[in-house]
Amino acid sequence: MQPYYIRAAWTSSLHSSRTSFPAWASFSGYRWALRLIPPNRFYGYRTRKTLSSTEIWYRANRFSGWAIVISGLVALWHNFHFLHEHADWPSATQQLAVTIATATLLLAGLAVSAAYIRKL
């Protein structure tokens, strides 16, 4: 059995590599939610509808931002919990499960955003 500090360092590096994308998504969504991103064609929730009006842009991106923040934070929680509960699983299996869960949760946030924007 490995000493605790070696296991802790190994587990810490696994957690950081498997949780950086949900953290990045939450940070990006937070910038949308706080209305820090002006209308543009490169960054934000961009559709013909959102680009047609500044008011619609900010309403859509605010909602989408919070949806991404929430789904990113749920993905972070899930990934930490999953990696803790299934530490004995092979690394490749853990990576696959975490990737699928993260993608599913973030896509769910985008789907909720799309439904909201359709109603604007």
PDB file of N, CA and C in Angstrom:
ATOM      1  N   MET A   1       0.844  -1.183   0.000  1.00  0.00           N
ATOM      2  CA  MET A   1       0.000   0.000   0.000  1.00  0.00           C
ATOM      3  C   MET A   1       0.887   1.244   0.000  1.00  0.00           C
ATOM      4  N   GLN A   2       0.510   2.223  -0.833  1.00  0.00           N
ATOM      5  CA  GLN A   2       1.289   3.461  -0.922  1.00  0.00           C
ATOM      6  C   GLN A   2       1.045   4.340   0.294  1.00  0.00           C
ATOM      7  N   PRO A   3       2.066   5.110   0.685  1.00  0.00           N
ATOM      8  CA  PRO A   3       1.839   6.078   1.759  1.00  0.00           C
ATOM      9  C   PRO A   3       0.765   7.079   1.348  1.00  0.00           C
ATOM     10  N   TYR A   4       0.089   7.636   2.334  1.00  0.00           N
ATOM     11  CA  TYR A   4      -1.017   8.549   2.077  1.00  0.00           C
ATOM     12  C   TYR A   4      -0.617   9.729   1.204  1.00  0.00           C
ATOM     13  N   TYR A   5       0.540  10.352   1.472  1.00  0.00           N
ATOM     14  CA  TYR A   5       0.925  11.545   0.728  1.00  0.00           C
ATOM     15  C   TYR A   5       1.152  11.251  -0.750  1.00  0.00           C
ATOM     16  N   ILE A   6       1.600  10.039  -1.082  1.00  0.00           N
ATOM     17  CA  ILE A   6       1.767   9.681  -2.494  1.00  0.00           C
ATOM     18  C   ILE A   6       0.404   9.493  -3.139  1.00  0.00           C
ATOM     19  N   ARG A   7      -0.497   8.796  -2.450  1.00  0.00           N
ATOM     20  CA  ARG A   7      -1.854   8.630  -2.986  1.00  0.00           C
ATOM     21  C   ARG A   7      -2.546   9.975  -3.130  1.00  0.00           C
ATOM     22  N   ALA A   8      -2.373  10.867  -2.159  1.00  0.00           N
ATOM     23  CA  ALA A   8      -3.021  12.177  -2.200  1.00  0.00           C
ATOM     24  C   ALA A   8      -2.516  12.984  -3.384  1.00  0.00           C
ATOM     25  N   ALA A   9      -1.200  12.965  -3.640  1.00  0.00           N
ATOM     26  CA  ALA A   9      -0.643  13.706  -4.771  1.00  0.00           C
ATOM     27  C   ALA A   9      -1.151  13.131  -6.090  1.00  0.00           C
ATOM     28  N   TRP A  10      -1.181  11.804  -6.200  1.00  0.00           N
ATOM     29  CA  TRP A  10      -1.674  11.161  -7.416  1.00  0.00           C
ATOM     30  C   TRP A  10      -3.143  11.483  -7.636  1.00  0.00           C
ATOM     31  N   THR A  11      -3.943  11.362  -6.584  1.00  0.00           N
ATOM     32  CA  THR A  11      -5.371  11.649  -6.683  1.00  0.00           C
ATOM     33  C   THR A  11      -5.597  13.108  -7.038  1.00  0.00           C
ATOM     34  N   SER A  12      -4.810  14.003  -6.453  1.00  0.00           N
ATOM     35  CA  SER A  12      -4.942  15.424  -6.737  1.00  0.00           C
ATOM     36  C   SER A  12      -4.685  15.718  -8.207  1.00  0.00           C
ATOM     37  N   SER A  13      -3.654  15.107  -8.792  1.00  0.00           N
ATOM     38  CA  SER A  13      -3.362  15.356 -10.198  1.00  0.00           C
ATOM     39  C   SER A  13      -4.466  14.785 -11.086  1.00  0.00           C
ATOM     40  N   LEU A  14      -5.045  13.651 -10.701  1.00  0.00           N
ATOM     41  CA  LEU A  14      -6.160  13.098 -11.464  1.00  0.00           C
ATOM     42  C   LEU A  14      -7.370  14.023 -11.399  1.00  0.00           C
ATOM     43  N   HIS A  15      -7.647  14.527 -10.214  1.00  0.00           N
ATOM     44  CA  HIS A  15      -8.791  15.420 -10.063  1.00  0.00           C
ATOM     45  C   HIS A  15      -8.614  16.668 -10.912  1.00  0.00           C
ATOM     46  N   SER A  16      -7.436  17.267 -10.914  1.00  0.00           N
ATOM     47  CA  SER A  16      -7.244  18.506 -11.651  1.00  0.00           C
ATOM     48  C   SER A  16      -7.348  18.273 -13.147  1.00  0.00           C
ATOM     49  N   SER A  17      -6.825  17.159 -13.638  1.00  0.00           N
ATOM     50  CA  SER A  17      -6.887  16.924 -15.076  1.00  0.00           C
ATOM     51  C   SER A  17      -8.302  16.569 -15.529  1.00  0.00           C
ATOM     52  N   ARG A  18      -9.116  16.052 -14.636  1.00  0.00           N
ATOM     53  CA  ARG A  18     -10.458  15.625 -15.027  1.00  0.00           C
ATOM     54  C   ARG A  18     -11.546  16.613 -14.623  1.00  0.00           C
ATOM     55  N   THR A  19     -11.153  17.714 -14.052  1.00  0.00           N
ATOM     56  CA  THR A  19     -12.147  18.709 -13.650  1.00  0.00           C
ATOM     57  C   THR A  19     -11.867  20.079 -14.242  1.00  0.00           C
ATOM     58  N   SER A  20     -10.815  20.219 -15.008  1.00  0.00           N
ATOM     59  CA  SER A  20     -10.475  21.540 -15.542  1.00  0.00           C
ATOM     60  C   SER A  20     -11.501  22.024 -16.570  1.00  0.00           C
ATOM     61  N   PHE A  21     -12.040  21.142 -17.408  1.00  0.00           N
ATOM     62  CA  PHE A  21     -13.009  21.600 -18.405  1.00  0.00           C
ATOM     63  C   PHE A  21     -14.310  22.097 -17.772  1.00  0.00           C
ATOM     64  N   PRO A  22     -14.915  21.386 -16.828  1.00  0.00           N
ATOM     65  CA  PRO A  22     -16.121  21.949 -16.199  1.00  0.00           C
ATOM     66  C   PRO A  22     -15.838  23.260 -15.475  1.00  0.00           C
ATOM     67  N   ALA A  23     -14.658  23.385 -14.886  1.00  0.00           N
ATOM     68  CA  ALA A  23     -14.306  24.642 -14.206  1.00  0.00           C
ATOM     69  C   ALA A  23     -14.170  25.769 -15.223  1.00  0.00           C
ATOM     70  N   TRP A  24     -13.534  25.485 -16.347  1.00  0.00           N
ATOM     71  CA  TRP A  24     -13.398  26.489 -17.407  1.00  0.00           C
ATOM     72  C   TRP A  24     -14.767  26.881 -17.959  1.00  0.00           C
ATOM     73  N   ALA A  25     -15.636  25.913 -18.166  1.00  0.00           N
ATOM     74  CA  ALA A  25     -16.982  26.201 -18.673  1.00  0.00           C
ATOM     75  C   ALA A  25     -17.754  27.074 -17.685  1.00  0.00           C
ATOM     76  N   SER A  26     -17.644  26.770 -16.409  1.00  0.00           N
ATOM     77  CA  SER A  26     -18.322  27.584 -15.397  1.00  0.00           C
ATOM     78  C   SER A  26     -17.789  29.010 -15.397  1.00  0.00           C
ATOM     79  N   PHE A  27     -16.481  29.162 -15.513  1.00  0.00           N
ATOM     80  CA  PHE A  27     -15.894  30.498 -15.557  1.00  0.00           C
ATOM     81  C   PHE A  27     -16.386  31.263 -16.782  1.00  0.00           C
ATOM     82  N   SER A  28     -16.425  30.603 -17.935  1.00  0.00           N
ATOM     83  CA  SER A  28     -16.914  31.262 -19.150  1.00  0.00           C
ATOM     84  C   SER A  28     -18.383  31.639 -19.017  1.00  0.00           C
ATOM     85  N   GLY A  29     -19.177  30.725 -18.492  1.00  0.00           N
ATOM     86  CA  GLY A  29     -20.600  31.005 -18.291  1.00  0.00           C
ATOM     87  C   GLY A  29     -20.825  32.151 -17.323  1.00  0.00           C
ATOM     88  N   TYR A  30     -19.979  32.233 -16.318  1.00  0.00           N
ATOM     89  CA  TYR A  30     -20.076  33.315 -15.339  1.00  0.00           C
ATOM     90  C   TYR A  30     -19.879  34.666 -16.013  1.00  0.00           C
ATOM     91  N   ARG A  31     -18.959  34.745 -16.948  1.00  0.00           N
ATOM     92  CA  ARG A  31     -18.730  35.996 -17.690  1.00  0.00           C
ATOM     93  C   ARG A  31     -19.957  36.350 -18.530  1.00  0.00           C
ATOM     94  N   TRP A  32     -20.631  35.343 -19.113  1.00  0.00           N
ATOM     95  CA  TRP A  32     -21.862  35.620 -19.869  1.00  0.00           C
ATOM     96  C   TRP A  32     -22.950  36.110 -18.926  1.00  0.00           C
ATOM     97  N   ALA A  33     -23.093  35.433 -17.799  1.00  0.00           N
ATOM     98  CA  ALA A  33     -24.175  35.733 -16.858  1.00  0.00           C
ATOM     99  C   ALA A  33     -24.053  37.146 -16.287  1.00  0.00           C
ATOM    100  N   LEU A  34     -22.838  37.632 -16.130  1.00  0.00           N
ATOM    101  CA  LEU A  34     -22.630  38.972 -15.581  1.00  0.00           C
ATOM    102  C   LEU A  34     -22.654  40.070 -16.643  1.00  0.00           C
ATOM    103  N   ARG A  35     -23.020  39.685 -17.857  1.00  0.00           N
ATOM    104  CA  ARG A  35     -23.137  40.640 -18.964  1.00  0.00           C
ATOM    105  C   ARG A  35     -21.809  41.312 -19.278  1.00  0.00           C
ATOM    106  N   LEU A  36     -20.737  40.581 -19.179  1.00  0.00           N
ATOM    107  CA  LEU A  36     -19.410  41.130 -19.460  1.00  0.00           C
ATOM    108  C   LEU A  36     -19.031  41.005 -20.934  1.00  0.00           C
ATOM    109  N   ILE A  37     -19.803  40.261 -21.685  1.00  0.00           N
ATOM    110  CA  ILE A  37     -19.483  40.024 -23.093  1.00  0.00           C
ATOM    111  C   ILE A  37     -20.451  40.817 -23.969  1.00  0.00           C
ATOM    112  N   PRO A  38     -19.972  41.840 -24.679  1.00  0.00           N
ATOM    113  CA  PRO A  38     -20.856  42.603 -25.564  1.00  0.00           C
ATOM    114  C   PRO A  38     -21.207  41.771 -26.807  1.00  0.00           C
ATOM    115  N   PRO A  39     -22.239  42.171 -27.528  1.00  0.00           N
ATOM    116  CA  PRO A  39     -22.599  41.436 -28.750  1.00  0.00           C
ATOM    117  C   PRO A  39     -21.407  41.352 -29.709  1.00  0.00           C
ATOM    118  N   ASN A  40     -21.154  40.144 -30.185  1.00  0.00           N
ATOM    119  CA  ASN A  40     -20.062  39.917 -31.131  1.00  0.00           C
ATOM    120  C   ASN A  40     -20.323  38.611 -31.859  1.00  0.00           C
ATOM    121  N   ARG A  41     -19.524  38.329 -32.851  1.00  0.00           N
ATOM    122  CA  ARG A  41     -19.701  37.106 -33.638  1.00  0.00           C
ATOM    123  C   ARG A  41     -18.750  35.983 -33.239  1.00  0.00           C
ATOM    124  N   PHE A  42     -17.991  36.155 -32.152  1.00  0.00           N
ATOM    125  CA  PHE A  42     -16.966  35.176 -31.807  1.00  0.00           C
ATOM    126  C   PHE A  42     -17.187  34.463 -30.483  1.00  0.00           C
ATOM    127  N   TYR A  43     -17.802  35.127 -29.514  1.00  0.00           N
ATOM    128  CA  TYR A  43     -17.864  34.570 -28.157  1.00  0.00           C
ATOM    129  C   TYR A  43     -19.215  34.881 -27.539  1.00  0.00           C
ATOM    130  N   GLY A  44     -19.848  33.874 -26.969  1.00  0.00           N
ATOM    131  CA  GLY A  44     -21.172  34.030 -26.376  1.00  0.00           C
ATOM    132  C   GLY A  44     -22.150  33.099 -27.073  1.00  0.00           C
ATOM    133  N   TYR A  45     -23.416  33.191 -26.686  1.00  0.00           N
ATOM    134  CA  TYR A  45     -24.449  32.367 -27.327  1.00  0.00           C
ATOM    135  C   TYR A  45     -24.913  33.117 -28.564  1.00  0.00           C
ATOM    136  N   ARG A  46     -24.373  32.726 -29.728  1.00  0.00           N
ATOM    137  CA  ARG A  46     -24.584  33.468 -30.963  1.00  0.00           C
ATOM    138  C   ARG A  46     -25.566  32.750 -31.878  1.00  0.00           C
ATOM    139  N   THR A  47     -26.658  33.420 -32.155  1.00  0.00           N
ATOM    140  CA  THR A  47     -27.614  32.977 -33.166  1.00  0.00           C
ATOM    141  C   THR A  47     -28.060  34.218 -33.918  1.00  0.00           C
ATOM    142  N   ARG A  48     -28.796  34.024 -34.993  1.00  0.00           N
ATOM    143  CA  ARG A  48     -29.336  35.200 -35.702  1.00  0.00           C
ATOM    144  C   ARG A  48     -30.194  36.038 -34.771  1.00  0.00           C
ATOM    145  N   LYS A  49     -30.960  35.357 -33.954  1.00  0.00           N
ATOM    146  CA  LYS A  49     -31.858  36.061 -33.038  1.00  0.00           C
ATOM    147  C   LYS A  49     -31.085  36.873 -31.999  1.00  0.00           C
ATOM    148  N   THR A  50     -30.062  36.282 -31.394  1.00  0.00           N
ATOM    149  CA  THR A  50     -29.317  37.010 -30.359  1.00  0.00           C
ATOM    150  C   THR A  50     -28.492  38.141 -30.956  1.00  0.00           C
ATOM    151  N   LEU A  51     -28.037  37.984 -32.170  1.00  0.00           N
ATOM    152  CA  LEU A  51     -27.253  39.045 -32.810  1.00  0.00           C
ATOM    153  C   LEU A  51     -28.135  40.164 -33.372  1.00  0.00           C
ATOM    154  N   SER A  52     -29.444  39.932 -33.444  1.00  0.00           N
ATOM    155  CA  SER A  52     -30.346  40.936 -34.026  1.00  0.00           C
ATOM    156  C   SER A  52     -30.635  42.094 -33.085  1.00  0.00           C
ATOM    157  N   SER A  53     -30.455  41.908 -31.782  1.00  0.00           N
ATOM    158  CA  SER A  53     -30.806  42.942 -30.815  1.00  0.00           C
ATOM    159  C   SER A  53     -29.888  42.859 -29.602  1.00  0.00           C
ATOM    160  N   THR A  54     -29.461  44.039 -29.142  1.00  0.00           N
ATOM    161  CA  THR A  54     -28.613  44.072 -27.945  1.00  0.00           C
ATOM    162  C   THR A  54     -29.369  43.552 -26.730  1.00  0.00           C
ATOM    163  N   GLU A  55     -30.647  43.904 -26.622  1.00  0.00           N
ATOM    164  CA  GLU A  55     -31.450  43.439 -25.476  1.00  0.00           C
ATOM    165  C   GLU A  55     -31.567  41.916 -25.478  1.00  0.00           C
ATOM    166  N   ILE A  56     -31.858  41.335 -26.631  1.00  0.00           N
ATOM    167  CA  ILE A  56     -31.970  39.875 -26.725  1.00  0.00           C
ATOM    168  C   ILE A  56     -30.612  39.226 -26.457  1.00  0.00           C
ATOM    169  N   TRP A  57     -29.535  39.833 -26.968  1.00  0.00           N
ATOM    170  CA  TRP A  57     -28.198  39.299 -26.720  1.00  0.00           C
ATOM    171  C   TRP A  57     -27.936  39.145 -25.228  1.00  0.00           C
ATOM    172  N   TYR A  58     -28.170  40.222 -24.486  1.00  0.00           N
ATOM    173  CA  TYR A  58     -27.861  40.178 -23.053  1.00  0.00           C
ATOM    174  C   TYR A  58     -28.818  39.266 -22.283  1.00  0.00           C
ATOM    175  N   ARG A  59     -30.093  39.247 -22.639  1.00  0.00           N
ATOM    176  CA  ARG A  59     -31.026  38.342 -21.964  1.00  0.00           C
ATOM    177  C   ARG A  59     -30.658  36.889 -22.221  1.00  0.00           C
ATOM    178  N   ALA A  60     -30.381  36.569 -23.487  1.00  0.00           N
ATOM    179  CA  ALA A  60     -30.055  35.189 -23.855  1.00  0.00           C
ATOM    180  C   ALA A  60     -28.735  34.749 -23.219  1.00  0.00           C
ATOM    181  N   ASN A  61     -27.739  35.598 -23.274  1.00  0.00           N
ATOM    182  CA  ASN A  61     -26.436  35.224 -22.728  1.00  0.00           C
ATOM    183  C   ASN A  61     -26.453  35.184 -21.207  1.00  0.00           C
ATOM    184  N   ARG A  62     -27.275  36.011 -20.585  1.00  0.00           N
ATOM    185  CA  ARG A  62     -27.385  35.938 -19.120  1.00  0.00           C
ATOM    186  C   ARG A  62     -27.971  34.586 -18.702  1.00  0.00           C
ATOM    187  N   PHE A  63     -29.075  34.199 -19.350  1.00  0.00           N
ATOM    188  CA  PHE A  63     -29.696  32.913 -19.033  1.00  0.00           C
ATOM    189  C   PHE A  63     -28.753  31.759 -19.364  1.00  0.00           C
ATOM    190  N   SER A  64     -28.165  31.795 -20.555  1.00  0.00           N
ATOM    191  CA  SER A  64     -27.256  30.727 -20.974  1.00  0.00           C
ATOM    192  C   SER A  64     -26.046  30.642 -20.052  1.00  0.00           C
ATOM    193  N   GLY A  65     -25.552  31.796 -19.642  1.00  0.00           N
ATOM    194  CA  GLY A  65     -24.406  31.815 -18.741  1.00  0.00           C
ATOM    195  C   GLY A  65     -24.704  31.120 -17.434  1.00  0.00           C
ATOM    196  N   TRP A  66     -25.853  31.438 -16.841  1.00  0.00           N
ATOM    197  CA  TRP A  66     -26.201  30.786 -15.570  1.00  0.00           C
ATOM    198  C   TRP A  66     -26.453  29.292 -15.777  1.00  0.00           C
ATOM    199  N   ALA A  67     -27.039  28.922 -16.918  1.00  0.00           N
ATOM    200  CA  ALA A  67     -27.254  27.496 -17.195  1.00  0.00           C
ATOM    201  C   ALA A  67     -25.921  26.757 -17.295  1.00  0.00           C
ATOM    202  N   ILE A  68     -24.933  27.376 -17.938  1.00  0.00           N
ATOM    203  CA  ILE A  68     -23.613  26.754 -18.065  1.00  0.00           C
ATOM    204  C   ILE A  68     -22.890  26.732 -16.719  1.00  0.00           C
ATOM    205  N   VAL A  69     -23.015  27.814 -15.949  1.00  0.00           N
ATOM    206  CA  VAL A  69     -22.393  27.840 -14.616  1.00  0.00           C
ATOM    207  C   VAL A  69     -22.955  26.704 -13.767  1.00  0.00           C
ATOM    208  N   ILE A  70     -24.264  26.572 -13.746  1.00  0.00           N
ATOM    209  CA  ILE A  70     -24.894  25.529 -12.924  1.00  0.00           C
ATOM    210  C   ILE A  70     -24.499  24.137 -13.417  1.00  0.00           C
ATOM    211  N   SER A  71     -24.578  23.903 -14.726  1.00  0.00           N
ATOM    212  CA  SER A  71     -24.226  22.568 -15.223  1.00  0.00           C
ATOM    213  C   SER A  71     -22.734  22.289 -15.043  1.00  0.00           C
ATOM    214  N   GLY A  72     -21.881  23.299 -15.164  1.00  0.00           N
ATOM    215  CA  GLY A  72     -20.453  23.109 -14.917  1.00  0.00           C
ATOM    216  C   GLY A  72     -20.162  22.777 -13.465  1.00  0.00           C
ATOM    217  N   LEU A  73     -20.852  23.473 -12.549  1.00  0.00           N
ATOM    218  CA  LEU A  73     -20.650  23.190 -11.125  1.00  0.00           C
ATOM    219  C   LEU A  73     -21.183  21.807 -10.744  1.00  0.00           C
ATOM    220  N   VAL A  74     -22.312  21.431 -11.335  1.00  0.00           N
ATOM    221  CA  VAL A  74     -22.835  20.076 -11.088  1.00  0.00           C
ATOM    222  C   VAL A  74     -21.851  19.034 -11.633  1.00  0.00           C
ATOM    223  N   ALA A  75     -21.281  19.313 -12.813  1.00  0.00           N
ATOM    224  CA  ALA A  75     -20.293  18.392 -13.382  1.00  0.00           C
ATOM    225  C   ALA A  75     -19.053  18.301 -12.484  1.00  0.00           C
ATOM    226  N   LEU A  76     -18.603  19.436 -11.955  1.00  0.00           N
ATOM    227  CA  LEU A  76     -17.470  19.419 -11.029  1.00  0.00           C
ATOM    228  C   LEU A  76     -17.774  18.569  -9.801  1.00  0.00           C
ATOM    229  N   TRP A  77     -18.945  18.807  -9.209  1.00  0.00           N
ATOM    230  CA  TRP A  77     -19.334  18.027  -8.029  1.00  0.00           C
ATOM    231  C   TRP A  77     -19.389  16.545  -8.375  1.00  0.00           C
ATOM    232  N   HIS A  78     -20.037  16.227  -9.486  1.00  0.00           N
ATOM    233  CA  HIS A  78     -20.154  14.835  -9.902  1.00  0.00           C
ATOM    234  C   HIS A  78     -18.776  14.209 -10.086  1.00  0.00           C
ATOM    235  N   ASN A  79     -17.880  14.912 -10.765  1.00  0.00           N
ATOM    236  CA  ASN A  79     -16.567  14.345 -11.059  1.00  0.00           C
ATOM    237  C   ASN A  79     -15.765  14.101  -9.782  1.00  0.00           C
ATOM    238  N   PHE A  80     -15.772  15.064  -8.862  1.00  0.00           N
ATOM    239  CA  PHE A  80     -15.064  14.847  -7.597  1.00  0.00           C
ATOM    240  C   PHE A  80     -15.667  13.674  -6.835  1.00  0.00           C
ATOM    241  N   HIS A  81     -16.997  13.641  -6.764  1.00  0.00           N
ATOM    242  CA  HIS A  81     -17.672  12.555  -6.051  1.00  0.00           C
ATOM    243  C   HIS A  81     -17.380  11.209  -6.721  1.00  0.00           C
ATOM    244  N   PHE A  82     -17.500  11.177  -8.036  1.00  0.00           N
ATOM    245  CA  PHE A  82     -17.271   9.941  -8.788  1.00  0.00           C
ATOM    246  C   PHE A  82     -15.852   9.444  -8.585  1.00  0.00           C
ATOM    247  N   LEU A  83     -14.878  10.345  -8.720  1.00  0.00           N
ATOM    248  CA  LEU A  83     -13.481   9.929  -8.584  1.00  0.00           C
ATOM    249  C   LEU A  83     -13.161   9.463  -7.166  1.00  0.00           C
ATOM    250  N   HIS A  84     -13.841  10.043  -6.207  1.00  0.00           N
ATOM    251  CA  HIS A  84     -13.633   9.604  -4.824  1.00  0.00           C
ATOM    252  C   HIS A  84     -14.256   8.230  -4.589  1.00  0.00           C
ATOM    253  N   GLU A  85     -15.461   8.051  -5.077  1.00  0.00           N
ATOM    254  CA  GLU A  85     -16.179   6.795  -4.845  1.00  0.00           C
ATOM    255  C   GLU A  85     -15.626   5.629  -5.664  1.00  0.00           C
ATOM    256  N   HIS A  86     -15.031   5.932  -6.806  1.00  0.00           N
ATOM    257  CA  HIS A  86     -14.556   4.863  -7.698  1.00  0.00           C
ATOM    258  C   HIS A  86     -13.046   4.964  -7.916  1.00  0.00           C
ATOM    259  N   ALA A  87     -12.323   5.268  -6.862  1.00  0.00           N
ATOM    260  CA  ALA A  87     -10.866   5.405  -6.950  1.00  0.00           C
ATOM    261  C   ALA A  87     -10.183   4.108  -7.356  1.00  0.00           C
ATOM    262  N   ASP A  88     -10.843   2.982  -7.131  1.00  0.00           N
ATOM    263  CA  ASP A  88     -10.243   1.689  -7.458  1.00  0.00           C
ATOM    264  C   ASP A  88     -10.450   1.294  -8.923  1.00  0.00           C
ATOM    265  N   TRP A  89     -11.243   2.044  -9.670  1.00  0.00           N
ATOM    266  CA  TRP A  89     -11.464   1.732 -11.079  1.00  0.00           C
ATOM    267  C   TRP A  89     -10.215   2.080 -11.882  1.00  0.00           C
ATOM    268  N   PRO A  90     -10.022   1.430 -13.023  1.00  0.00           N
ATOM    269  CA  PRO A  90      -8.882   1.789 -13.883  1.00  0.00           C
ATOM    270  C   PRO A  90      -9.003   3.249 -14.354  1.00  0.00           C
ATOM    271  N   SER A  91      -7.878   3.872 -14.547  1.00  0.00           N
ATOM    272  CA  SER A  91      -7.832   5.284 -14.915  1.00  0.00           C
ATOM    273  C   SER A  91      -8.610   5.570 -16.207  1.00  0.00           C
ATOM    274  N   ALA A  92      -8.468   4.714 -17.202  1.00  0.00           N
ATOM    275  CA  ALA A  92      -9.159   4.927 -18.479  1.00  0.00           C
ATOM    276  C   ALA A  92     -10.678   4.870 -18.301  1.00  0.00           C
ATOM    277  N   THR A  93     -11.154   3.983 -17.465  1.00  0.00           N
ATOM    278  CA  THR A  93     -12.585   3.861 -17.196  1.00  0.00           C
ATOM    279  C   THR A  93     -13.091   5.104 -16.470  1.00  0.00           C
ATOM    280  N   GLN A  94     -12.323   5.570 -15.501  1.00  0.00           N
ATOM    281  CA  GLN A  94     -12.691   6.801 -14.795  1.00  0.00           C
ATOM    282  C   GLN A  94     -12.780   7.971 -15.775  1.00  0.00           C
ATOM    283  N   GLN A  95     -11.765   8.082 -16.639  1.00  0.00           N
ATOM    284  CA  GLN A  95     -11.737   9.186 -17.606  1.00  0.00           C
ATOM    285  C   GLN A  95     -12.945   9.138 -18.530  1.00  0.00           C
ATOM    286  N   LEU A  96     -13.290   7.965 -19.011  1.00  0.00           N
ATOM    287  CA  LEU A  96     -14.444   7.826 -19.899  1.00  0.00           C
ATOM    288  C   LEU A  96     -15.732   8.226 -19.189  1.00  0.00           C
ATOM    289  N   ALA A  97     -15.925   7.740 -17.980  1.00  0.00           N
ATOM    290  CA  ALA A  97     -17.148   8.040 -17.239  1.00  0.00           C
ATOM    291  C   ALA A  97     -17.263   9.536 -16.932  1.00  0.00           C
ATOM    292  N   VAL A  98     -16.160  10.154 -16.542  1.00  0.00           N
ATOM    293  CA  VAL A  98     -16.168  11.581 -16.219  1.00  0.00           C
ATOM    294  C   VAL A  98     -16.407  12.407 -17.483  1.00  0.00           C
ATOM    295  N   THR A  99     -15.806  12.019 -18.582  1.00  0.00           N
ATOM    296  CA  THR A  99     -15.991  12.745 -19.846  1.00  0.00           C
ATOM    297  C   THR A  99     -17.436  12.667 -20.312  1.00  0.00           C
ATOM    298  N   ILE A 100     -18.023  11.495 -20.263  1.00  0.00           N
ATOM    299  CA  ILE A 100     -19.424  11.335 -20.674  1.00  0.00           C
ATOM    300  C   ILE A 100     -20.344  12.155 -19.777  1.00  0.00           C
ATOM    301  N   ALA A 101     -20.115  12.111 -18.469  1.00  0.00           N
ATOM    302  CA  ALA A 101     -20.956  12.863 -17.534  1.00  0.00           C
ATOM    303  C   ALA A 101     -20.818  14.372 -17.756  1.00  0.00           C
ATOM    304  N   THR A 102     -19.596  14.842 -17.947  1.00  0.00           N
ATOM    305  CA  THR A 102     -19.374  16.269 -18.172  1.00  0.00           C
ATOM    306  C   THR A 102     -20.050  16.721 -19.458  1.00  0.00           C
ATOM    307  N   ALA A 103     -19.857  15.971 -20.528  1.00  0.00           N
ATOM    308  CA  ALA A 103     -20.469  16.327 -21.811  1.00  0.00           C
ATOM    309  C   ALA A 103     -21.992  16.340 -21.706  1.00  0.00           C
ATOM    310  N   THR A 104     -22.554  15.350 -21.052  1.00  0.00           N
ATOM    311  CA  THR A 104     -24.009  15.270 -20.897  1.00  0.00           C
ATOM    312  C   THR A 104     -24.551  16.465 -20.120  1.00  0.00           C
ATOM    313  N   LEU A 105     -23.901  16.797 -19.019  1.00  0.00           N
ATOM    314  CA  LEU A 105     -24.379  17.909 -18.196  1.00  0.00           C
ATOM    315  C   LEU A 105     -24.250  19.253 -18.915  1.00  0.00           C
ATOM    316  N   LEU A 106     -23.129  19.479 -19.590  1.00  0.00           N
ATOM    317  CA  LEU A 106     -22.966  20.746 -20.306  1.00  0.00           C
ATOM    318  C   LEU A 106     -23.905  20.840 -21.509  1.00  0.00           C
ATOM    319  N   LEU A 107     -24.122  19.737 -22.187  1.00  0.00           N
ATOM    320  CA  LEU A 107     -25.096  19.749 -23.294  1.00  0.00           C
ATOM    321  C   LEU A 107     -26.514  19.983 -22.782  1.00  0.00           C
ATOM    322  N   ALA A 108     -26.825  19.470 -21.602  1.00  0.00           N
ATOM    323  CA  ALA A 108     -28.138  19.738 -21.004  1.00  0.00           C
ATOM    324  C   ALA A 108     -28.288  21.229 -20.719  1.00  0.00           C
ATOM    325  N   GLY A 109     -27.231  21.876 -20.234  1.00  0.00           N
ATOM    326  CA  GLY A 109     -27.268  23.324 -20.018  1.00  0.00           C
ATOM    327  C   GLY A 109     -27.495  24.084 -21.315  1.00  0.00           C
ATOM    328  N   LEU A 110     -26.849  23.646 -22.384  1.00  0.00           N
ATOM    329  CA  LEU A 110     -27.057  24.295 -23.683  1.00  0.00           C
ATOM    330  C   LEU A 110     -28.461  24.035 -24.229  1.00  0.00           C
ATOM    331  N   ALA A 111     -28.994  22.850 -23.996  1.00  0.00           N
ATOM    332  CA  ALA A 111     -30.356  22.537 -24.458  1.00  0.00           C
ATOM    333  C   ALA A 111     -31.383  23.413 -23.741  1.00  0.00           C
ATOM    334  N   VAL A 112     -31.213  23.600 -22.436  1.00  0.00           N
ATOM    335  CA  VAL A 112     -32.112  24.480 -21.684  1.00  0.00           C
ATOM    336  C   VAL A 112     -31.995  25.906 -22.217  1.00  0.00           C
ATOM    337  N   SER A 113     -30.788  26.331 -22.521  1.00  0.00           N
ATOM    338  CA  SER A 113     -30.569  27.668 -23.077  1.00  0.00           C
ATOM    339  C   SER A 113     -31.256  27.822 -24.424  1.00  0.00           C
ATOM    340  N   ALA A 114     -31.122  26.820 -25.271  1.00  0.00           N
ATOM    341  CA  ALA A 114     -31.754  26.880 -26.595  1.00  0.00           C
ATOM    342  C   ALA A 114     -33.271  26.968 -26.474  1.00  0.00           C
ATOM    343  N   ALA A 115     -33.843  26.219 -25.557  1.00  0.00           N
ATOM    344  CA  ALA A 115     -35.297  26.276 -25.352  1.00  0.00           C
ATOM    345  C   ALA A 115     -35.716  27.659 -24.867  1.00  0.00           C
ATOM    346  N   TYR A 116     -34.946  28.253 -23.994  1.00  0.00           N
ATOM    347  CA  TYR A 116     -35.258  29.606 -23.496  1.00  0.00           C
ATOM    348  C   TYR A 116     -35.146  30.631 -24.607  1.00  0.00           C
ATOM    349  N   ILE A 117     -34.092  30.555 -25.400  1.00  0.00           N
ATOM    350  CA  ILE A 117     -33.885  31.533 -26.464  1.00  0.00           C
ATOM    351  C   ILE A 117     -34.951  31.406 -27.533  1.00  0.00           C
ATOM    352  N   ARG A 118     -35.422  30.215 -27.765  1.00  0.00           N
ATOM    353  CA  ARG A 118     -36.494  30.018 -28.745  1.00  0.00           C
ATOM    354  C   ARG A 118     -37.760  30.758 -28.324  1.00  0.00           C
ATOM    355  N   LYS A 119     -37.961  30.916 -27.002  1.00  0.00           N
ATOM    356  CA  LYS A 119     -39.157  31.590 -26.500  1.00  0.00           C
ATOM    357  C   LYS A 119     -39.022  33.107 -26.459  1.00  0.00           C
ATOM    358  N   LEU A 120     -37.819  33.632 -26.632  1.00  0.00           N
ATOM    359  CA  LEU A 120     -37.630  35.090 -26.592  1.00  0.00           C
ATOM    360  C   LEU A 120     -38.300  35.767 -27.775  1.00  0.00           C
TER     361      LEU A 120
END
